[in-house]
Amino acid sequence: YVELRLRHKSSGKECRGQYSSDVRTWLTGTTLSGNFVLPGDMAVGEYDVLLNIADGSARGYGTADYRIVLVNTETRDESRMNLLGTVTVDAGAEAVATTG
């Protein structure tokens, strides 16, 4: 499965959205796009944007050893998820975020 995670830089609390994409079909140049509804009670602050590509079995979910990592080591965090960048959540701001 493929997941986009937002992890709060201070608290570590995460929100997640899952893509309906099969990694086994990806070719060079494949892009992902999707819309995710974020919780209304998200804490303000900076979030790491992480791409989690993992074994879809219940056994492998949440286990770093079952994650697929990109070859770029500088874009990997300690949990073996692929760090894409950061976003900032502001109080009272309305926004539509699109990935892709």
N, C-alpha and C. Protein backbone atom coordinates (compact mmCIF):
# COMPACT_ATOMS: atom_id res chain seq x y z
N TYR A 1 0.83 -1.18 0.00
CA TYR A 1 0.00 0.00 0.00
C TYR A 1 0.87 1.24 0.00
N VAL A 2 0.26 2.36 -0.34
CA VAL A 2 0.97 3.63 -0.41
C VAL A 2 0.18 4.65 0.42
N GLU A 3 0.89 5.30 1.32
CA GLU A 3 0.29 6.24 2.24
C GLU A 3 1.03 7.56 2.23
N LEU A 4 0.30 8.65 2.37
CA LEU A 4 0.90 9.95 2.62
C LEU A 4 0.64 10.26 4.08
N ARG A 5 1.69 10.60 4.81
CA ARG A 5 1.54 10.91 6.23
C ARG A 5 2.04 12.32 6.50
N LEU A 6 1.33 13.01 7.36
CA LEU A 6 1.78 14.30 7.88
C LEU A 6 2.10 14.07 9.34
N ARG A 7 3.37 14.31 9.73
CA ARG A 7 3.80 14.10 11.11
C ARG A 7 4.20 15.44 11.72
N HIS A 8 3.50 15.82 12.81
CA HIS A 8 3.79 17.08 13.49
C HIS A 8 5.22 17.03 14.02
N LYS A 9 5.99 18.07 13.71
CA LYS A 9 7.41 18.07 14.07
C LYS A 9 7.65 18.09 15.59
N SER A 10 6.76 18.69 16.36
CA SER A 10 6.95 18.75 17.81
C SER A 10 6.35 17.55 18.54
N SER A 11 5.09 17.25 18.24
CA SER A 11 4.39 16.20 19.00
C SER A 11 4.56 14.80 18.40
N GLY A 12 4.85 14.74 17.11
CA GLY A 12 4.96 13.44 16.45
C GLY A 12 3.62 12.85 16.04
N LYS A 13 2.52 13.54 16.37
CA LYS A 13 1.19 13.06 16.00
C LYS A 13 1.05 13.05 14.48
N GLU A 14 0.42 12.00 13.94
CA GLU A 14 0.30 11.85 12.49
C GLU A 14 -1.14 11.83 12.03
N CYS A 15 -1.36 12.30 10.82
CA CYS A 15 -2.60 12.03 10.10
C CYS A 15 -2.19 11.38 8.78
N ARG A 16 -3.05 10.53 8.25
CA ARG A 16 -2.69 9.69 7.12
C ARG A 16 -3.78 9.68 6.06
N GLY A 17 -3.34 9.52 4.84
CA GLY A 17 -4.24 9.31 3.71
C GLY A 17 -3.66 8.22 2.84
N GLN A 18 -4.50 7.32 2.39
CA GLN A 18 -4.01 6.19 1.60
C GLN A 18 -4.34 6.38 0.13
N TYR A 19 -3.37 6.05 -0.73
CA TYR A 19 -3.56 6.06 -2.18
C TYR A 19 -4.08 4.70 -2.61
N SER A 20 -4.87 4.70 -3.67
CA SER A 20 -5.32 3.43 -4.25
C SER A 20 -4.45 3.13 -5.46
N SER A 21 -3.16 3.02 -5.23
CA SER A 21 -2.19 2.79 -6.29
C SER A 21 -1.42 1.51 -5.98
N ASP A 22 -1.16 0.72 -7.01
CA ASP A 22 -0.41 -0.52 -6.86
C ASP A 22 1.04 -0.28 -7.27
N VAL A 23 1.93 -0.30 -6.29
CA VAL A 23 3.35 -0.02 -6.53
C VAL A 23 3.93 -0.94 -7.61
N ARG A 24 3.42 -2.14 -7.70
CA ARG A 24 3.96 -3.12 -8.66
C ARG A 24 3.74 -2.69 -10.10
N THR A 25 2.87 -1.72 -10.33
CA THR A 25 2.60 -1.26 -11.70
C THR A 25 3.36 0.01 -12.06
N TRP A 26 4.12 0.57 -11.11
CA TRP A 26 4.81 1.83 -11.34
C TRP A 26 5.96 1.66 -12.32
N LEU A 27 6.08 2.63 -13.21
CA LEU A 27 7.21 2.71 -14.14
C LEU A 27 7.92 4.04 -13.89
N THR A 28 9.08 4.23 -14.47
CA THR A 28 9.79 5.49 -14.35
C THR A 28 8.86 6.63 -14.76
N GLY A 29 8.82 7.67 -13.97
CA GLY A 29 7.98 8.83 -14.27
C GLY A 29 6.57 8.75 -13.72
N THR A 30 6.23 7.67 -13.02
CA THR A 30 4.90 7.55 -12.42
C THR A 30 4.70 8.65 -11.39
N THR A 31 3.55 9.27 -11.41
CA THR A 31 3.21 10.29 -10.41
C THR A 31 1.96 9.87 -9.67
N LEU A 32 1.80 10.39 -8.47
CA LEU A 32 0.61 10.14 -7.67
C LEU A 32 -0.14 11.45 -7.49
N SER A 33 -1.44 11.37 -7.46
CA SER A 33 -2.23 12.54 -7.12
C SER A 33 -3.43 12.07 -6.32
N GLY A 34 -3.92 12.94 -5.48
CA GLY A 34 -5.06 12.58 -4.66
C GLY A 34 -5.45 13.72 -3.76
N ASN A 35 -6.63 13.61 -3.19
CA ASN A 35 -7.13 14.58 -2.23
C ASN A 35 -7.38 13.87 -0.92
N PHE A 36 -7.00 14.50 0.17
CA PHE A 36 -7.20 13.92 1.49
C PHE A 36 -7.92 14.93 2.37
N VAL A 37 -8.86 14.45 3.15
CA VAL A 37 -9.55 15.30 4.10
C VAL A 37 -8.76 15.27 5.40
N LEU A 38 -8.33 16.42 5.83
CA LEU A 38 -7.54 16.52 7.06
C LEU A 38 -8.47 16.78 8.24
N PRO A 39 -8.12 16.28 9.41
CA PRO A 39 -8.97 16.49 10.59
C PRO A 39 -9.09 17.97 10.92
N GLY A 40 -10.26 18.39 11.34
CA GLY A 40 -10.49 19.78 11.70
C GLY A 40 -9.75 20.22 12.94
N ASP A 41 -9.32 19.26 13.75
CA ASP A 41 -8.63 19.60 14.99
C ASP A 41 -7.11 19.44 14.89
N MET A 42 -6.58 19.50 13.67
CA MET A 42 -5.13 19.39 13.51
C MET A 42 -4.43 20.52 14.23
N ALA A 43 -3.37 20.20 14.93
CA ALA A 43 -2.59 21.21 15.65
C ALA A 43 -1.86 22.11 14.65
N VAL A 44 -1.75 23.37 14.97
CA VAL A 44 -0.98 24.28 14.13
C VAL A 44 0.50 23.93 14.26
N GLY A 45 1.28 24.29 13.26
CA GLY A 45 2.72 24.05 13.30
C GLY A 45 3.23 23.40 12.03
N GLU A 46 4.47 23.00 12.08
CA GLU A 46 5.12 22.37 10.93
C GLU A 46 4.97 20.87 10.98
N TYR A 47 4.75 20.29 9.79
CA TYR A 47 4.59 18.85 9.63
C TYR A 47 5.57 18.35 8.58
N ASP A 48 6.18 17.20 8.84
CA ASP A 48 6.93 16.50 7.80
C ASP A 48 5.93 15.79 6.91
N VAL A 49 6.17 15.83 5.60
CA VAL A 49 5.34 15.11 4.63
C VAL A 49 6.10 13.85 4.26
N LEU A 50 5.52 12.69 4.57
CA LEU A 50 6.20 11.41 4.39
C LEU A 50 5.42 10.51 3.45
N LEU A 51 6.14 9.81 2.59
CA LEU A 51 5.54 8.81 1.71
C LEU A 51 5.90 7.45 2.29
N ASN A 52 4.88 6.68 2.64
CA ASN A 52 5.08 5.36 3.22
C ASN A 52 4.66 4.32 2.18
N ILE A 53 5.63 3.55 1.72
CA ILE A 53 5.37 2.48 0.75
C ILE A 53 5.70 1.19 1.49
N ALA A 54 4.70 0.35 1.72
CA ALA A 54 4.93 -0.80 2.59
C ALA A 54 4.20 -2.04 2.12
N ASP A 55 4.62 -3.14 2.68
CA ASP A 55 3.95 -4.42 2.51
C ASP A 55 2.51 -4.24 2.97
N GLY A 56 1.56 -4.68 2.20
CA GLY A 56 0.16 -4.49 2.55
C GLY A 56 -0.39 -5.44 3.57
N SER A 57 0.40 -6.40 4.03
CA SER A 57 -0.11 -7.38 4.99
C SER A 57 -0.22 -6.75 6.38
N ALA A 58 -1.11 -7.29 7.17
CA ALA A 58 -1.26 -6.82 8.55
C ALA A 58 0.04 -7.00 9.32
N ARG A 59 0.79 -8.04 9.02
CA ARG A 59 2.04 -8.32 9.70
C ARG A 59 3.05 -7.19 9.46
N GLY A 60 3.07 -6.66 8.26
CA GLY A 60 4.05 -5.65 7.91
C GLY A 60 3.66 -4.23 8.19
N TYR A 61 2.37 -3.97 8.46
CA TYR A 61 1.92 -2.60 8.66
C TYR A 61 2.60 -1.97 9.87
N GLY A 62 3.19 -0.83 9.68
CA GLY A 62 3.82 -0.10 10.77
C GLY A 62 5.20 -0.60 11.15
N THR A 63 5.71 -1.57 10.43
CA THR A 63 7.02 -2.14 10.73
C THR A 63 8.04 -1.64 9.72
N ALA A 64 9.08 -0.97 10.20
CA ALA A 64 10.08 -0.37 9.32
C ALA A 64 10.72 -1.39 8.38
N ASP A 65 10.90 -2.61 8.84
CA ASP A 65 11.54 -3.63 8.00
C ASP A 65 10.73 -3.99 6.77
N TYR A 66 9.45 -3.68 6.75
CA TYR A 66 8.59 -4.02 5.62
C TYR A 66 8.32 -2.82 4.72
N ARG A 67 9.05 -1.73 4.92
CA ARG A 67 8.87 -0.53 4.10
C ARG A 67 9.82 -0.52 2.92
N ILE A 68 9.33 0.01 1.81
CA ILE A 68 10.15 0.19 0.62
C ILE A 68 10.66 1.63 0.67
N VAL A 69 11.98 1.79 0.55
CA VAL A 69 12.55 3.13 0.62
C VAL A 69 13.13 3.52 -0.74
N LEU A 70 13.11 4.80 -1.01
CA LEU A 70 13.71 5.32 -2.23
C LEU A 70 15.22 5.26 -2.09
N VAL A 71 15.91 5.25 -3.19
CA VAL A 71 17.36 5.11 -3.16
C VAL A 71 18.06 6.33 -2.57
N ASN A 72 17.42 7.48 -2.57
CA ASN A 72 18.01 8.71 -2.03
C ASN A 72 18.04 8.65 -0.50
N THR A 73 19.18 8.37 0.08
CA THR A 73 19.27 8.21 1.53
C THR A 73 18.97 9.50 2.29
N GLU A 74 19.21 10.65 1.69
CA GLU A 74 18.96 11.91 2.38
C GLU A 74 17.47 12.22 2.51
N THR A 75 16.62 11.46 1.82
CA THR A 75 15.18 11.68 1.91
C THR A 75 14.49 10.63 2.76
N ARG A 76 15.23 9.95 3.59
CA ARG A 76 14.69 8.89 4.42
C ARG A 76 14.75 9.32 5.88
N ASP A 77 13.71 9.06 6.64
CA ASP A 77 13.77 9.36 8.07
C ASP A 77 14.05 8.09 8.85
N GLU A 78 14.13 8.21 10.19
CA GLU A 78 14.50 7.06 11.03
C GLU A 78 13.50 5.92 10.96
N SER A 79 12.26 6.18 10.56
CA SER A 79 11.26 5.13 10.45
C SER A 79 11.24 4.48 9.07
N ARG A 80 12.22 4.83 8.23
CA ARG A 80 12.36 4.31 6.86
C ARG A 80 11.21 4.74 5.94
N MET A 81 10.60 5.88 6.25
CA MET A 81 9.63 6.46 5.33
C MET A 81 10.36 7.50 4.51
N ASN A 82 9.81 7.82 3.36
CA ASN A 82 10.44 8.74 2.42
C ASN A 82 9.97 10.17 2.70
N LEU A 83 10.90 11.01 3.13
CA LEU A 83 10.60 12.40 3.48
C LEU A 83 10.52 13.23 2.21
N LEU A 84 9.33 13.81 1.97
CA LEU A 84 9.11 14.60 0.76
C LEU A 84 9.30 16.10 0.98
N GLY A 85 9.12 16.56 2.22
CA GLY A 85 9.24 17.98 2.51
C GLY A 85 8.48 18.31 3.77
N THR A 86 8.12 19.58 3.94
CA THR A 86 7.36 20.02 5.11
C THR A 86 6.23 20.94 4.66
N VAL A 87 5.19 20.99 5.50
CA VAL A 87 4.09 21.94 5.30
C VAL A 87 3.80 22.58 6.65
N THR A 88 3.19 23.75 6.62
CA THR A 88 2.82 24.46 7.83
C THR A 88 1.31 24.59 7.89
N VAL A 89 0.72 24.25 9.03
CA VAL A 89 -0.71 24.40 9.27
C VAL A 89 -0.89 25.64 10.13
N ASP A 90 -1.71 26.59 9.63
CA ASP A 90 -1.99 27.83 10.34
C ASP A 90 -3.39 27.78 10.95
N ALA A 91 -3.57 28.46 12.08
CA ALA A 91 -4.87 28.53 12.74
C ALA A 91 -5.86 29.29 11.85
N GLY A 92 -7.02 28.72 11.65
CA GLY A 92 -8.09 29.40 10.91
C GLY A 92 -7.91 29.45 9.41
N ALA A 93 -6.84 28.91 8.88
CA ALA A 93 -6.61 28.97 7.45
C ALA A 93 -7.45 27.90 6.75
N GLU A 94 -8.00 28.25 5.62
CA GLU A 94 -8.71 27.28 4.80
C GLU A 94 -7.88 27.02 3.56
N ALA A 95 -7.62 25.77 3.30
CA ALA A 95 -6.79 25.45 2.14
C ALA A 95 -7.17 24.09 1.60
N VAL A 96 -6.93 23.91 0.32
CA VAL A 96 -7.09 22.61 -0.31
C VAL A 96 -5.70 22.20 -0.76
N ALA A 97 -5.22 21.11 -0.23
CA ALA A 97 -3.87 20.62 -0.59
C ALA A 97 -4.03 19.50 -1.60
N THR A 98 -3.26 19.57 -2.66
CA THR A 98 -3.27 18.53 -3.67
C THR A 98 -1.87 17.96 -3.77
N THR A 99 -1.79 16.67 -3.80
CA THR A 99 -0.49 16.02 -3.95
C THR A 99 -0.34 15.58 -5.39
N GLY A 100 0.88 15.51 -5.82
CA GLY A 100 1.08 15.02 -7.18
C GLY A 100 2.18 15.74 -7.88
